[in-house]
Amino acid sequence: MKLSFSAASPFARKVRIAAIETGLIDKIELVPSTVAPGQANEEYSRITPLKKLPVLILNNGEVILDSYVIVEYLDELAGGGKLIPTSGPTRWQVKSDHSLLQGMLDSMLLCRYEKMVRPQELQWQAWLDDHWNRAWTGMARFESKPEVLSRPFDIVQIGLSACSATPISAFPTVAGARPIQSSTRSIKRCWSGPR
């Protein structure tokens, strides 16, 4: 399998942590890729017209798109239930919490594009503030749920690590941006480099 990724992508970071946790990281070739708004990348567009990172390219050439779908695939490949509960109320809570985190990451990414890609005279401050507030309001919700960090390691904790680190890497000058401290081996390994 090949994972097309960018080291700066929090979505790719989630997949890499999941691959480590499921024991599949050594079966995945990491292929650095570059996609940017407003820049053509015809080669990558042939892999996925959405030009989103990451994508997992299976040995038979099929493409799995979207970080959550990739994590779900890896979890199933590893026997299921390691990162995403297989049934019951916990499954739906984990999926719901992860959807909130995914939306928070989307908002952070949109803020990055607005500030770093869009010409300054075209930037929309109210829109930027709204998206930034969505991300931080979501973080406040998780800060009031300490049980999320005390349960067995799952996709929500992986998503929290990606969310908490994104403001630091994408907006190093933003006041109040701070990562969640993690002693989890796979998160530290993921931050130390591709392998």
Protein backbone atom coordinates (compact mmCIF):
# COMPACT_ATOMS: atom_id res chain seq x y z
CA MET A 1 0.00 0.00 0.00
CA LYS A 2 1.05 3.60 -0.57
CA LEU A 3 -0.01 6.60 1.45
CA SER A 4 0.12 9.84 -0.49
CA PHE A 5 0.57 12.50 2.20
CA SER A 6 2.02 15.80 3.31
CA ALA A 7 3.90 15.90 6.60
CA ALA A 8 2.16 19.18 7.45
CA SER A 9 -1.34 17.72 6.98
CA PRO A 10 -3.18 16.96 10.23
CA PHE A 11 -5.38 14.56 8.24
CA ALA A 12 -2.33 12.60 7.09
CA ARG A 13 -0.96 12.73 10.63
CA LYS A 14 -4.11 10.95 11.86
CA VAL A 15 -3.64 8.19 9.31
CA ARG A 16 0.04 7.73 10.15
CA ILE A 17 -0.75 7.45 13.88
CA ALA A 18 -3.52 4.94 13.09
CA ALA A 19 -1.13 2.92 10.93
CA ILE A 20 1.35 2.78 13.81
CA GLU A 21 -1.34 1.83 16.34
CA THR A 22 -2.76 -0.93 14.13
CA GLY A 23 0.70 -2.34 13.44
CA LEU A 24 0.45 -1.65 9.71
CA ILE A 25 2.91 1.23 9.32
CA ASP A 26 5.63 -1.04 7.95
CA LYS A 27 3.27 -2.27 5.20
CA ILE A 28 2.68 1.26 3.93
CA GLU A 29 5.03 3.15 1.64
CA LEU A 30 4.86 6.86 2.48
CA VAL A 31 4.79 8.99 -0.67
CA PRO A 32 5.21 12.73 -0.04
CA SER A 33 2.85 14.78 -2.20
CA THR A 34 2.12 18.44 -2.70
CA VAL A 35 -1.27 19.97 -3.35
CA ALA A 36 -2.14 23.62 -2.88
CA PRO A 37 -5.20 25.74 -3.58
CA GLY A 38 -5.04 27.44 -6.95
CA GLN A 39 -2.10 25.36 -8.16
CA ALA A 40 -2.45 22.71 -10.82
CA ASN A 41 -1.26 19.21 -10.07
CA GLU A 42 -2.46 17.06 -12.95
CA GLU A 43 -0.63 13.96 -11.77
CA TYR A 44 -2.34 14.03 -8.38
CA SER A 45 -5.69 14.93 -9.98
CA ARG A 46 -5.53 11.58 -11.77
CA ILE A 47 -5.38 9.87 -8.36
CA THR A 48 -8.25 11.94 -6.96
CA PRO A 49 -10.01 14.84 -8.66
CA LEU A 50 -10.57 16.43 -5.23
CA LYS A 51 -6.79 16.82 -4.77
CA LYS A 52 -7.18 16.03 -1.07
CA LEU A 53 -4.51 14.51 1.13
CA PRO A 54 -4.11 11.82 2.23
CA VAL A 55 -5.13 8.97 -0.03
CA LEU A 56 -4.29 5.32 0.40
CA ILE A 57 -3.47 3.49 -2.81
CA LEU A 58 -3.99 -0.24 -2.41
CA ASN A 59 -1.78 -2.83 -4.04
CA ASN A 60 -4.47 -3.47 -6.67
CA GLY A 61 -4.51 0.24 -7.59
CA GLU A 62 -7.79 1.10 -5.87
CA VAL A 63 -7.81 4.43 -4.01
CA ILE A 64 -9.26 5.01 -0.56
CA LEU A 65 -10.00 8.68 -0.01
CA ASP A 66 -10.55 10.64 3.23
CA SER A 67 -8.55 10.26 6.41
CA TYR A 68 -11.42 8.77 8.42
CA VAL A 69 -12.23 6.21 5.73
CA ILE A 70 -8.55 5.28 5.54
CA VAL A 71 -8.37 4.85 9.33
CA GLU A 72 -11.53 2.74 9.24
CA TYR A 73 -9.98 0.59 6.49
CA LEU A 74 -6.74 0.13 8.47
CA ASP A 75 -8.70 -0.67 11.63
CA GLU A 76 -10.68 -3.36 9.79
CA LEU A 77 -7.52 -4.71 8.16
CA ALA A 78 -6.02 -5.09 11.64
CA GLY A 79 -9.01 -7.08 12.90
CA GLY A 80 -11.45 -4.29 13.75
CA GLY A 81 -12.29 -2.53 16.97
CA LYS A 82 -8.79 -1.26 17.71
CA LEU A 83 -9.45 2.42 16.98
CA ILE A 84 -13.16 2.52 16.13
CA PRO A 85 -15.58 0.48 18.25
CA THR A 86 -17.41 -2.12 16.19
CA SER A 87 -20.89 -1.66 17.70
CA GLY A 88 -23.01 -0.17 20.42
CA PRO A 89 -23.40 3.32 21.88
CA THR A 90 -19.64 3.84 22.20
CA ARG A 91 -19.24 3.39 18.44
CA TRP A 92 -21.68 6.20 17.73
CA GLN A 93 -20.17 8.48 20.37
CA VAL A 94 -16.68 7.92 18.96
CA LYS A 95 -17.88 8.54 15.40
CA SER A 96 -19.77 11.67 16.47
CA ASP A 97 -16.80 13.03 18.46
CA HIS A 98 -14.54 12.33 15.50
CA SER A 99 -16.90 14.16 13.13
CA LEU A 100 -16.67 17.22 15.39
CA LEU A 101 -12.87 16.97 15.30
CA GLN A 102 -12.88 16.57 11.52
CA GLY A 103 -14.97 19.74 11.21
CA MET A 104 -12.59 21.57 13.54
CA LEU A 105 -9.65 20.55 11.35
CA ASP A 106 -11.54 21.66 8.25
CA SER A 107 -12.14 25.07 9.85
CA MET A 108 -8.47 25.39 10.82
CA LEU A 109 -7.38 24.50 7.29
CA LEU A 110 -9.78 27.07 5.82
CA CYS A 111 -8.31 29.69 8.19
CA ARG A 112 -4.82 28.79 7.02
CA TYR A 113 -5.81 29.19 3.38
CA GLU A 114 -7.57 32.48 4.09
CA LYS A 115 -4.52 33.98 5.84
CA MET A 116 -1.68 32.44 3.87
CA VAL A 117 -3.02 31.90 0.36
CA ARG A 118 -5.76 34.43 -0.33
CA PRO A 119 -4.47 37.92 -1.24
CA GLN A 120 -4.77 40.21 1.79
CA GLU A 121 -7.15 42.64 0.07
CA LEU A 122 -9.61 39.76 -0.53
CA GLN A 123 -9.50 38.29 2.97
CA TRP A 124 -12.76 38.20 4.91
CA GLN A 125 -12.06 38.74 8.62
CA ALA A 126 -15.58 37.90 9.89
CA TRP A 127 -15.50 34.59 8.01
CA LEU A 128 -12.02 33.84 9.36
CA ASP A 129 -13.08 34.68 12.93
CA ASP A 130 -16.15 32.46 12.60
CA HIS A 131 -14.11 29.44 11.48
CA TRP A 132 -11.41 30.03 14.09
CA ASN A 133 -14.13 30.25 16.76
CA ARG A 134 -15.64 26.95 15.57
CA ALA A 135 -12.32 25.20 16.14
CA TRP A 136 -11.70 26.71 19.58
CA THR A 137 -15.29 26.17 20.73
CA GLY A 138 -14.87 22.53 19.78
CA MET A 139 -11.63 22.31 21.77
CA ALA A 140 -13.42 23.79 24.79
CA ARG A 141 -16.04 21.07 24.48
CA PHE A 142 -13.36 18.38 24.62
CA GLU A 143 -11.61 20.07 27.55
CA SER A 144 -14.84 19.54 29.51
CA LYS A 145 -14.81 15.80 28.65
CA PRO A 146 -11.75 14.34 30.43
CA GLU A 147 -13.15 10.82 30.01
CA VAL A 148 -12.23 11.02 26.32
CA LEU A 149 -8.55 10.82 27.26
CA SER A 150 -8.99 8.12 29.91
CA ARG A 151 -10.70 5.48 27.75
CA PRO A 152 -8.80 3.01 25.53
CA PHE A 153 -6.89 4.73 22.72
CA ASP A 154 -9.14 5.47 19.73
CA ILE A 155 -9.67 7.67 16.65
CA VAL A 156 -10.95 10.52 18.83
CA GLN A 157 -7.68 10.75 20.75
CA ILE A 158 -5.79 10.62 17.47
CA GLY A 159 -8.00 13.42 16.14
CA LEU A 160 -7.47 15.46 19.30
CA SER A 161 -3.72 15.22 18.90
CA ALA A 162 -4.00 16.38 15.28
CA CYS A 163 -6.35 19.24 16.24
CA SER A 164 -4.31 20.42 19.18
CA ALA A 165 -1.11 20.53 17.15
CA THR A 166 -2.58 22.18 14.05
CA PRO A 167 -2.75 25.74 15.45
CA ILE A 168 0.89 25.43 16.49
CA SER A 169 2.10 24.27 13.07
CA ALA A 170 -0.30 26.33 10.95
CA PHE A 171 -0.47 29.48 13.07
CA PRO A 172 2.63 29.62 15.30
CA THR A 173 1.91 33.22 16.32
CA VAL A 174 -1.67 32.70 17.51
CA ALA A 175 -2.09 33.42 21.21
CA GLY A 176 -3.48 30.52 23.19
CA ALA A 177 -2.51 27.82 20.70
CA ARG A 178 -1.16 24.90 22.66
CA PRO A 179 -0.87 21.18 21.96
CA ILE A 180 -2.31 18.46 24.18
CA GLN A 181 0.60 16.81 25.93
CA SER A 182 0.69 13.15 25.02
CA SER A 183 2.75 10.31 26.31
CA THR A 184 1.33 8.04 23.62
CA ARG A 185 4.22 6.41 21.79
CA SER A 186 2.63 6.44 18.33
CA ILE A 187 1.84 10.16 18.49
CA LYS A 188 5.42 10.97 19.44
CA ARG A 189 6.73 8.66 16.71
CA CYS A 190 4.49 10.30 14.12
CA TRP A 191 5.76 13.77 15.07
CA SER A 192 9.38 12.65 14.86
CA GLY A 193 9.15 11.94 11.13
CA PRO A 194 7.71 9.61 8.53
CA ARG A 195 9.32 6.50 10.02
